[in-house]
Amino acid sequence: MTLHDFKESLKEQQPPPVAVLLQALWYEAKGDWEKAHNLAQDVPTSDGALIHAYLHRVEGDLSNARYWYHRAQRNIPNQSLTEEWDLLVTELLSR
């Protein structure tokens, strides 16, 4: 699946058959932050921490986001949320 395919799936009612962190990003893009957060917070990996960080950045809770970026061993990105979403999806799809 490509980034384009993933974005096209946002027209559907349900996410495509992808890993849970991609599902979290899918739900966030569909406007269901709560569902996205619930999915991401249950993944105890650095990728889970990274998506959790992104979601708190979306929420505007930068203090919490900083904590989760630190847990993911990443810096807070300088790009827009849209650019970060694209990069995160691309990164996760490549695995």
PDB file of N, CA and C in Angstrom:
ATOM      1  N   MET A   1       0.850  -1.179   0.000  1.00  0.00           N
ATOM      2  CA  MET A   1       0.000   0.000   0.000  1.00  0.00           C
ATOM      3  C   MET A   1       0.893   1.239   0.000  1.00  0.00           C
ATOM      4  N   THR A   2       0.486   2.231  -0.753  1.00  0.00           N
ATOM      5  CA  THR A   2       1.221   3.489  -0.828  1.00  0.00           C
ATOM      6  C   THR A   2       0.529   4.551   0.026  1.00  0.00           C
ATOM      7  N   LEU A   3       1.206   5.671   0.209  1.00  0.00           N
ATOM      8  CA  LEU A   3       0.595   6.797   0.913  1.00  0.00           C
ATOM      9  C   LEU A   3      -0.672   7.229   0.192  1.00  0.00           C
ATOM     10  N   HIS A   4      -0.610   7.282  -1.122  1.00  0.00           N
ATOM     11  CA  HIS A   4      -1.789   7.665  -1.903  1.00  0.00           C
ATOM     12  C   HIS A   4      -2.946   6.702  -1.645  1.00  0.00           C
ATOM     13  N   ASP A   5      -2.673   5.404  -1.673  1.00  0.00           N
ATOM     14  CA  ASP A   5      -3.716   4.402  -1.412  1.00  0.00           C
ATOM     15  C   ASP A   5      -4.306   4.587  -0.010  1.00  0.00           C
ATOM     16  N   PHE A   6      -3.426   4.839   0.954  1.00  0.00           N
ATOM     17  CA  PHE A   6      -3.885   5.018   2.331  1.00  0.00           C
ATOM     18  C   PHE A   6      -4.794   6.242   2.432  1.00  0.00           C
ATOM     19  N   LYS A   7      -4.397   7.316   1.783  1.00  0.00           N
ATOM     20  CA  LYS A   7      -5.231   8.524   1.797  1.00  0.00           C
ATOM     21  C   LYS A   7      -6.566   8.272   1.103  1.00  0.00           C
ATOM     22  N   GLU A   8      -6.540   7.517   0.026  1.00  0.00           N
ATOM     23  CA  GLU A   8      -7.785   7.178  -0.677  1.00  0.00           C
ATOM     24  C   GLU A   8      -8.726   6.384   0.221  1.00  0.00           C
ATOM     25  N   SER A   9      -8.166   5.567   1.108  1.00  0.00           N
ATOM     26  CA  SER A   9      -8.993   4.750   1.997  1.00  0.00           C
ATOM     27  C   SER A   9      -9.778   5.600   2.994  1.00  0.00           C
ATOM     28  N   LEU A  10      -9.382   6.864   3.157  1.00  0.00           N
ATOM     29  CA  LEU A  10     -10.105   7.755   4.071  1.00  0.00           C
ATOM     30  C   LEU A  10     -11.528   8.051   3.580  1.00  0.00           C
ATOM     31  N   LYS A  11     -11.822   7.706   2.335  1.00  0.00           N
ATOM     32  CA  LYS A  11     -13.171   7.862   1.788  1.00  0.00           C
ATOM     33  C   LYS A  11     -14.103   6.756   2.287  1.00  0.00           C
ATOM     34  N   GLU A  12     -13.517   5.702   2.836  1.00  0.00           N
ATOM     35  CA  GLU A  12     -14.280   4.546   3.290  1.00  0.00           C
ATOM     36  C   GLU A  12     -14.758   4.733   4.735  1.00  0.00           C
ATOM     37  N   GLN A  13     -15.634   3.834   5.157  1.00  0.00           N
ATOM     38  CA  GLN A  13     -16.171   3.888   6.514  1.00  0.00           C
ATOM     39  C   GLN A  13     -15.270   3.201   7.533  1.00  0.00           C
ATOM     40  N   GLN A  14     -14.452   2.258   7.070  1.00  0.00           N
ATOM     41  CA  GLN A  14     -13.573   1.500   7.942  1.00  0.00           C
ATOM     42  C   GLN A  14     -12.147   1.571   7.404  1.00  0.00           C
ATOM     43  N   PRO A  15     -11.163   1.459   8.300  1.00  0.00           N
ATOM     44  CA  PRO A  15      -9.773   1.497   7.836  1.00  0.00           C
ATOM     45  C   PRO A  15      -9.434   0.244   7.025  1.00  0.00           C
ATOM     46  N   PRO A  16      -8.426   0.349   6.196  1.00  0.00           N
ATOM     47  CA  PRO A  16      -7.973  -0.839   5.464  1.00  0.00           C
ATOM     48  C   PRO A  16      -7.337  -1.826   6.448  1.00  0.00           C
ATOM     49  N   PRO A  17      -7.072  -3.047   6.003  1.00  0.00           N
ATOM     50  CA  PRO A  17      -6.444  -4.039   6.892  1.00  0.00           C
ATOM     51  C   PRO A  17      -4.952  -3.747   7.071  1.00  0.00           C
ATOM     52  N   VAL A  18      -4.666  -2.854   8.006  1.00  0.00           N
ATOM     53  CA  VAL A  18      -3.295  -2.428   8.286  1.00  0.00           C
ATOM     54  C   VAL A  18      -3.027  -2.569   9.779  1.00  0.00           C
ATOM     55  N   ALA A  19      -1.765  -2.400  10.152  1.00  0.00           N
ATOM     56  CA  ALA A  19      -1.365  -2.483  11.559  1.00  0.00           C
ATOM     57  C   ALA A  19      -2.081  -1.427  12.398  1.00  0.00           C
ATOM     58  N   VAL A  20      -2.152  -1.692  13.683  1.00  0.00           N
ATOM     59  CA  VAL A  20      -2.933  -0.858  14.598  1.00  0.00           C
ATOM     60  C   VAL A  20      -2.481   0.603  14.614  1.00  0.00           C
ATOM     61  N   LEU A  21      -1.193   0.877  14.505  1.00  0.00           N
ATOM     62  CA  LEU A  21      -0.749   2.275  14.532  1.00  0.00           C
ATOM     63  C   LEU A  21      -1.158   3.012  13.268  1.00  0.00           C
ATOM     64  N   LEU A  22      -1.200   2.330  12.149  1.00  0.00           N
ATOM     65  CA  LEU A  22      -1.734   2.947  10.925  1.00  0.00           C
ATOM     66  C   LEU A  22      -3.231   3.176  11.072  1.00  0.00           C
ATOM     67  N   GLN A  23      -3.909   2.261  11.738  1.00  0.00           N
ATOM     68  CA  GLN A  23      -5.329   2.476  12.002  1.00  0.00           C
ATOM     69  C   GLN A  23      -5.531   3.723  12.854  1.00  0.00           C
ATOM     70  N   ALA A  24      -4.656   3.912  13.838  1.00  0.00           N
ATOM     71  CA  ALA A  24      -4.747   5.101  14.694  1.00  0.00           C
ATOM     72  C   ALA A  24      -4.602   6.370  13.859  1.00  0.00           C
ATOM     73  N   LEU A  25      -3.638   6.389  12.950  1.00  0.00           N
ATOM     74  CA  LEU A  25      -3.458   7.561  12.084  1.00  0.00           C
ATOM     75  C   LEU A  25      -4.654   7.739  11.151  1.00  0.00           C
ATOM     76  N   TRP A  26      -5.231   6.641  10.706  1.00  0.00           N
ATOM     77  CA  TRP A  26      -6.413   6.686   9.838  1.00  0.00           C
ATOM     78  C   TRP A  26      -7.588   7.337  10.589  1.00  0.00           C
ATOM     79  N   TYR A  27      -7.828   6.867  11.817  1.00  0.00           N
ATOM     80  CA  TYR A  27      -8.935   7.428  12.605  1.00  0.00           C
ATOM     81  C   TYR A  27      -8.694   8.900  12.925  1.00  0.00           C
ATOM     82  N   GLU A  28      -7.458   9.270  13.206  1.00  0.00           N
ATOM     83  CA  GLU A  28      -7.180  10.686  13.480  1.00  0.00           C
ATOM     84  C   GLU A  28      -7.494  11.531  12.247  1.00  0.00           C
ATOM     85  N   ALA A  29      -7.111  11.040  11.078  1.00  0.00           N
ATOM     86  CA  ALA A  29      -7.384  11.781   9.840  1.00  0.00           C
ATOM     87  C   ALA A  29      -8.877  11.884   9.569  1.00  0.00           C
ATOM     88  N   LYS A  30      -9.637  10.922  10.063  1.00  0.00           N
ATOM     89  CA  LYS A  30     -11.093  10.938   9.898  1.00  0.00           C
ATOM     90  C   LYS A  30     -11.776  11.792  10.969  1.00  0.00           C
ATOM     91  N   GLY A  31     -10.977  12.340  11.894  1.00  0.00           N
ATOM     92  CA  GLY A  31     -11.534  13.210  12.920  1.00  0.00           C
ATOM     93  C   GLY A  31     -11.906  12.518  14.217  1.00  0.00           C
ATOM     94  N   ASP A  32     -11.533  11.248  14.367  1.00  0.00           N
ATOM     95  CA  ASP A  32     -11.845  10.519  15.592  1.00  0.00           C
ATOM     96  C   ASP A  32     -10.577  10.402  16.439  1.00  0.00           C
ATOM     97  N   TRP A  33     -10.203  11.529  17.056  1.00  0.00           N
ATOM     98  CA  TRP A  33      -8.982  11.579  17.858  1.00  0.00           C
ATOM     99  C   TRP A  33      -9.030  10.575  19.006  1.00  0.00           C
ATOM    100  N   GLU A  34     -10.167  10.462  19.645  1.00  0.00           N
ATOM    101  CA  GLU A  34     -10.303   9.571  20.805  1.00  0.00           C
ATOM    102  C   GLU A  34     -10.022   8.118  20.435  1.00  0.00           C
ATOM    103  N   LYS A  35     -10.593   7.652  19.343  1.00  0.00           N
ATOM    104  CA  LYS A  35     -10.351   6.282  18.877  1.00  0.00           C
ATOM    105  C   LYS A  35      -8.866   6.109  18.538  1.00  0.00           C
ATOM    106  N   ALA A  36      -8.297   7.094  17.854  1.00  0.00           N
ATOM    107  CA  ALA A  36      -6.881   7.045  17.491  1.00  0.00           C
ATOM    108  C   ALA A  36      -6.014   6.947  18.738  1.00  0.00           C
ATOM    109  N   HIS A  37      -6.316   7.762  19.725  1.00  0.00           N
ATOM    110  CA  HIS A  37      -5.542   7.781  20.968  1.00  0.00           C
ATOM    111  C   HIS A  37      -5.664   6.452  21.703  1.00  0.00           C
ATOM    112  N   ASN A  38      -6.871   5.923  21.768  1.00  0.00           N
ATOM    113  CA  ASN A  38      -7.075   4.642  22.446  1.00  0.00           C
ATOM    114  C   ASN A  38      -6.259   3.529  21.785  1.00  0.00           C
ATOM    115  N   LEU A  39      -6.185   3.535  20.474  1.00  0.00           N
ATOM    116  CA  LEU A  39      -5.394   2.524  19.771  1.00  0.00           C
ATOM    117  C   LEU A  39      -3.901   2.703  20.037  1.00  0.00           C
ATOM    118  N   ALA A  40      -3.414   3.920  19.925  1.00  0.00           N
ATOM    119  CA  ALA A  40      -1.979   4.182  20.041  1.00  0.00           C
ATOM    120  C   ALA A  40      -1.465   3.964  21.460  1.00  0.00           C
ATOM    121  N   GLN A  41      -2.233   4.348  22.440  1.00  0.00           N
ATOM    122  CA  GLN A  41      -1.729   4.262  23.815  1.00  0.00           C
ATOM    123  C   GLN A  41      -1.570   2.826  24.289  1.00  0.00           C
ATOM    124  N   ASP A  42      -2.154   1.879  23.575  1.00  0.00           N
ATOM    125  CA  ASP A  42      -2.032   0.478  23.965  1.00  0.00           C
ATOM    126  C   ASP A  42      -0.861  -0.236  23.297  1.00  0.00           C
ATOM    127  N   VAL A  43      -0.046   0.496  22.526  1.00  0.00           N
ATOM    128  CA  VAL A  43       1.094  -0.116  21.839  1.00  0.00           C
ATOM    129  C   VAL A  43       2.373   0.293  22.574  1.00  0.00           C
ATOM    130  N   PRO A  44       2.968  -0.642  23.338  1.00  0.00           N
ATOM    131  CA  PRO A  44       4.106  -0.302  24.205  1.00  0.00           C
ATOM    132  C   PRO A  44       5.467  -0.370  23.502  1.00  0.00           C
ATOM    133  N   THR A  45       5.559   0.255  22.336  1.00  0.00           N
ATOM    134  CA  THR A  45       6.811   0.270  21.576  1.00  0.00           C
ATOM    135  C   THR A  45       7.201   1.711  21.300  1.00  0.00           C
ATOM    136  N   SER A  46       8.390   1.908  20.746  1.00  0.00           N
ATOM    137  CA  SER A  46       8.796   3.274  20.388  1.00  0.00           C
ATOM    138  C   SER A  46       7.891   3.824  19.288  1.00  0.00           C
ATOM    139  N   ASP A  47       7.432   2.969  18.374  1.00  0.00           N
ATOM    140  CA  ASP A  47       6.482   3.444  17.355  1.00  0.00           C
ATOM    141  C   ASP A  47       5.166   3.872  18.002  1.00  0.00           C
ATOM    142  N   GLY A  48       4.723   3.112  18.986  1.00  0.00           N
ATOM    143  CA  GLY A  48       3.514   3.483  19.711  1.00  0.00           C
ATOM    144  C   GLY A  48       3.681   4.822  20.409  1.00  0.00           C
ATOM    145  N   ALA A  49       4.849   5.038  21.011  1.00  0.00           N
ATOM    146  CA  ALA A  49       5.130   6.315  21.671  1.00  0.00           C
ATOM    147  C   ALA A  49       5.150   7.452  20.657  1.00  0.00           C
ATOM    148  N   LEU A  50       5.683   7.183  19.473  1.00  0.00           N
ATOM    149  CA  LEU A  50       5.757   8.218  18.434  1.00  0.00           C
ATOM    150  C   LEU A  50       4.368   8.633  17.967  1.00  0.00           C
ATOM    151  N   ILE A  51       3.514   7.674  17.709  1.00  0.00           N
ATOM    152  CA  ILE A  51       2.147   8.008  17.270  1.00  0.00           C
ATOM    153  C   ILE A  51       1.395   8.678  18.409  1.00  0.00           C
ATOM    154  N   HIS A  52       1.607   8.210  19.625  1.00  0.00           N
ATOM    155  CA  HIS A  52       1.001   8.833  20.804  1.00  0.00           C
ATOM    156  C   HIS A  52       1.451  10.294  20.909  1.00  0.00           C
ATOM    157  N   ALA A  53       2.736  10.543  20.680  1.00  0.00           N
ATOM    158  CA  ALA A  53       3.276  11.911  20.708  1.00  0.00           C
ATOM    159  C   ALA A  53       2.600  12.778  19.659  1.00  0.00           C
ATOM    160  N   TYR A  54       2.522  12.261  18.440  1.00  0.00           N
ATOM    161  CA  TYR A  54       1.881  13.003  17.351  1.00  0.00           C
ATOM    162  C   TYR A  54       0.441  13.366  17.740  1.00  0.00           C
ATOM    163  N   LEU A  55      -0.282  12.414  18.296  1.00  0.00           N
ATOM    164  CA  LEU A  55      -1.685  12.673  18.659  1.00  0.00           C
ATOM    165  C   LEU A  55      -1.799  13.758  19.713  1.00  0.00           C
ATOM    166  N   HIS A  56      -0.876  13.781  20.671  1.00  0.00           N
ATOM    167  CA  HIS A  56      -0.924  14.858  21.665  1.00  0.00           C
ATOM    168  C   HIS A  56      -0.519  16.195  21.053  1.00  0.00           C
ATOM    169  N   ARG A  57       0.316  16.153  20.055  1.00  0.00           N
ATOM    170  CA  ARG A  57       0.640  17.382  19.320  1.00  0.00           C
ATOM    171  C   ARG A  57      -0.605  17.886  18.589  1.00  0.00           C
ATOM    172  N   VAL A  58      -1.335  16.982  17.967  1.00  0.00           N
ATOM    173  CA  VAL A  58      -2.596  17.345  17.296  1.00  0.00           C
ATOM    174  C   VAL A  58      -3.552  17.975  18.313  1.00  0.00           C
ATOM    175  N   GLU A  59      -3.620  17.362  19.476  1.00  0.00           N
ATOM    176  CA  GLU A  59      -4.511  17.832  20.531  1.00  0.00           C
ATOM    177  C   GLU A  59      -4.120  19.214  21.039  1.00  0.00           C
ATOM    178  N   GLY A  60      -2.847  19.572  20.857  1.00  0.00           N
ATOM    179  CA  GLY A  60      -2.362  20.852  21.356  1.00  0.00           C
ATOM    180  C   GLY A  60      -1.722  20.750  22.724  1.00  0.00           C
ATOM    181  N   ASP A  61      -1.577  19.532  23.233  1.00  0.00           N
ATOM    182  CA  ASP A  61      -0.950  19.298  24.527  1.00  0.00           C
ATOM    183  C   ASP A  61       0.549  19.064  24.306  1.00  0.00           C
ATOM    184  N   LEU A  62       1.286  20.150  24.104  1.00  0.00           N
ATOM    185  CA  LEU A  62       2.698  20.041  23.740  1.00  0.00           C
ATOM    186  C   LEU A  62       3.570  19.482  24.847  1.00  0.00           C
ATOM    187  N   SER A  63       3.207  19.714  26.090  1.00  0.00           N
ATOM    188  CA  SER A  63       3.975  19.155  27.195  1.00  0.00           C
ATOM    189  C   SER A  63       3.903  17.627  27.162  1.00  0.00           C
ATOM    190  N   ASN A  64       2.714  17.105  27.005  1.00  0.00           N
ATOM    191  CA  ASN A  64       2.521  15.664  26.920  1.00  0.00           C
ATOM    192  C   ASN A  64       3.173  15.118  25.650  1.00  0.00           C
ATOM    193  N   ALA A  65       3.048  15.846  24.552  1.00  0.00           N
ATOM    194  CA  ALA A  65       3.667  15.431  23.295  1.00  0.00           C
ATOM    195  C   ALA A  65       5.180  15.327  23.455  1.00  0.00           C
ATOM    196  N   ARG A  66       5.795  16.310  24.102  1.00  0.00           N
ATOM    197  CA  ARG A  66       7.244  16.286  24.330  1.00  0.00           C
ATOM    198  C   ARG A  66       7.662  15.026  25.086  1.00  0.00           C
ATOM    199  N   TYR A  67       6.890  14.689  26.102  1.00  0.00           N
ATOM    200  CA  TYR A  67       7.178  13.489  26.883  1.00  0.00           C
ATOM    201  C   TYR A  67       7.184  12.254  25.977  1.00  0.00           C
ATOM    202  N   TRP A  68       6.170  12.137  25.123  1.00  0.00           N
ATOM    203  CA  TRP A  68       6.053  10.948  24.271  1.00  0.00           C
ATOM    204  C   TRP A  68       7.084  10.946  23.151  1.00  0.00           C
ATOM    205  N   TYR A  69       7.439  12.112  22.611  1.00  0.00           N
ATOM    206  CA  TYR A  69       8.523  12.155  21.626  1.00  0.00           C
ATOM    207  C   TYR A  69       9.831  11.695  22.284  1.00  0.00           C
ATOM    208  N   HIS A  70      10.047  12.117  23.518  1.00  0.00           N
ATOM    209  CA  HIS A  70      11.239  11.683  24.250  1.00  0.00           C
ATOM    210  C   HIS A  70      11.235  10.163  24.421  1.00  0.00           C
ATOM    211  N   ARG A  71      10.074   9.598  24.782  1.00  0.00           N
ATOM    212  CA  ARG A  71       9.958   8.138  24.929  1.00  0.00           C
ATOM    213  C   ARG A  71      10.226   7.425  23.607  1.00  0.00           C
ATOM    214  N   ALA A  72       9.876   8.075  22.502  1.00  0.00           N
ATOM    215  CA  ALA A  72      10.102   7.498  21.172  1.00  0.00           C
ATOM    216  C   ALA A  72      11.523   7.762  20.681  1.00  0.00           C
ATOM    217  N   GLN A  73      12.295   8.504  21.478  1.00  0.00           N
ATOM    218  CA  GLN A  73      13.666   8.897  21.123  1.00  0.00           C
ATOM    219  C   GLN A  73      13.693   9.704  19.828  1.00  0.00           C
ATOM    220  N   ARG A  74      12.761  10.637  19.735  1.00  0.00           N
ATOM    221  CA  ARG A  74      12.657  11.533  18.583  1.00  0.00           C
ATOM    222  C   ARG A  74      12.548  12.970  19.081  1.00  0.00           C
ATOM    223  N   ASN A  75      12.939  13.893  18.214  1.00  0.00           N
ATOM    224  CA  ASN A  75      12.740  15.320  18.496  1.00  0.00           C
ATOM    225  C   ASN A  75      11.353  15.724  18.036  1.00  0.00           C
ATOM    226  N   ILE A  76      10.846  16.774  18.656  1.00  0.00           N
ATOM    227  CA  ILE A  76       9.567  17.306  18.197  1.00  0.00           C
ATOM    228  C   ILE A  76       9.781  17.857  16.796  1.00  0.00           C
ATOM    229  N   PRO A  77       8.966  17.445  15.845  1.00  0.00           N
ATOM    230  CA  PRO A  77       9.177  17.870  14.460  1.00  0.00           C
ATOM    231  C   PRO A  77       8.930  19.363  14.252  1.00  0.00           C
ATOM    232  N   ASN A  78       9.591  19.890  13.243  1.00  0.00           N
ATOM    233  CA  ASN A  78       9.411  21.292  12.873  1.00  0.00           C
ATOM    234  C   ASN A  78       8.357  21.461  11.790  1.00  0.00           C
ATOM    235  N   GLN A  79       7.968  20.384  11.148  1.00  0.00           N
ATOM    236  CA  GLN A  79       7.018  20.494  10.048  1.00  0.00           C
ATOM    237  C   GLN A  79       5.571  20.555  10.556  1.00  0.00           C
ATOM    238  N   SER A  80       4.682  20.821   9.638  1.00  0.00           N
ATOM    239  CA  SER A  80       3.262  20.907   9.973  1.00  0.00           C
ATOM    240  C   SER A  80       2.740  19.534  10.383  1.00  0.00           C
ATOM    241  N   LEU A  81       1.593  19.527  11.023  1.00  0.00           N
ATOM    242  CA  LEU A  81       0.958  18.266  11.393  1.00  0.00           C
ATOM    243  C   LEU A  81       0.648  17.428  10.157  1.00  0.00           C
ATOM    244  N   THR A  82       0.219  18.070   9.098  1.00  0.00           N
ATOM    245  CA  THR A  82      -0.087  17.352   7.855  1.00  0.00           C
ATOM    246  C   THR A  82       1.157  16.688   7.286  1.00  0.00           C
ATOM    247  N   GLU A  83       2.260  17.413   7.287  1.00  0.00           N
ATOM    248  CA  GLU A  83       3.515  16.840   6.790  1.00  0.00           C
ATOM    249  C   GLU A  83       3.989  15.703   7.689  1.00  0.00           C
ATOM    250  N   GLU A  84       3.845  15.879   8.991  1.00  0.00           N
ATOM    251  CA  GLU A  84       4.250  14.818   9.908  1.00  0.00           C
ATOM    252  C   GLU A  84       3.388  13.576   9.702  1.00  0.00           C
ATOM    253  N   TRP A  85       2.078  13.764   9.538  1.00  0.00           N
ATOM    254  CA  TRP A  85       1.174  12.628   9.304  1.00  0.00           C
ATOM    255  C   TRP A  85       1.621  11.849   8.071  1.00  0.00           C
ATOM    256  N   ASP A  86       1.898  12.568   6.993  1.00  0.00           N
ATOM    257  CA  ASP A  86       2.362  11.902   5.768  1.00  0.00           C
ATOM    258  C   ASP A  86       3.646  11.110   6.012  1.00  0.00           C
ATOM    259  N   LEU A  87       4.584  11.700   6.730  1.00  0.00           N
ATOM    260  CA  LEU A  87       5.848  11.029   7.013  1.00  0.00           C
ATOM    261  C   LEU A  87       5.642   9.796   7.904  1.00  0.00           C
ATOM    262  N   LEU A  88       4.792   9.928   8.902  1.00  0.00           N
ATOM    263  CA  LEU A  88       4.526   8.795   9.792  1.00  0.00           C
ATOM    264  C   LEU A  88       3.866   7.645   9.048  1.00  0.00           C
ATOM    265  N   VAL A  89       2.864   7.962   8.233  1.00  0.00           N
ATOM    266  CA  VAL A  89       2.194   6.925   7.448  1.00  0.00           C
ATOM    267  C   VAL A  89       3.190   6.249   6.508  1.00  0.00           C
ATOM    268  N   THR A  90       3.975   7.047   5.814  1.00  0.00           N
ATOM    269  CA  THR A  90       4.964   6.501   4.885  1.00  0.00           C
ATOM    270  C   THR A  90       5.955   5.600   5.617  1.00  0.00           C
ATOM    271  N   GLU A  91       6.420   6.046   6.764  1.00  0.00           N
ATOM    272  CA  GLU A  91       7.372   5.250   7.554  1.00  0.00           C
ATOM    273  C   GLU A  91       6.757   3.916   7.974  1.00  0.00           C
ATOM    274  N   LEU A  92       5.536   3.955   8.482  1.00  0.00           N
ATOM    275  CA  LEU A  92       4.911   2.719   8.946  1.00  0.00           C
ATOM    276  C   LEU A  92       4.530   1.800   7.800  1.00  0.00           C
ATOM    277  N   LEU A  93       4.149   2.351   6.689  1.00  0.00           N
ATOM    278  CA  LEU A  93       3.802   1.520   5.524  1.00  0.00           C
ATOM    279  C   LEU A  93       5.040   0.810   4.952  1.00  0.00           C
ATOM    280  N   SER A  94       6.202   1.390   5.171  1.00  0.00           N
ATOM    281  CA  SER A  94       7.426   0.822   4.597  1.00  0.00           C
ATOM    282  C   SER A  94       7.931  -0.391   5.378  1.00  0.00           C
ATOM    283  N   ARG A  95       7.307  -0.687   6.473  1.00  0.00           N
ATOM    284  CA  ARG A  95       7.779  -1.817   7.319  1.00  0.00           C
ATOM    285  C   ARG A  95       7.030  -3.090   7.000  1.00  0.00           C
TER     286      ARG A  95
END
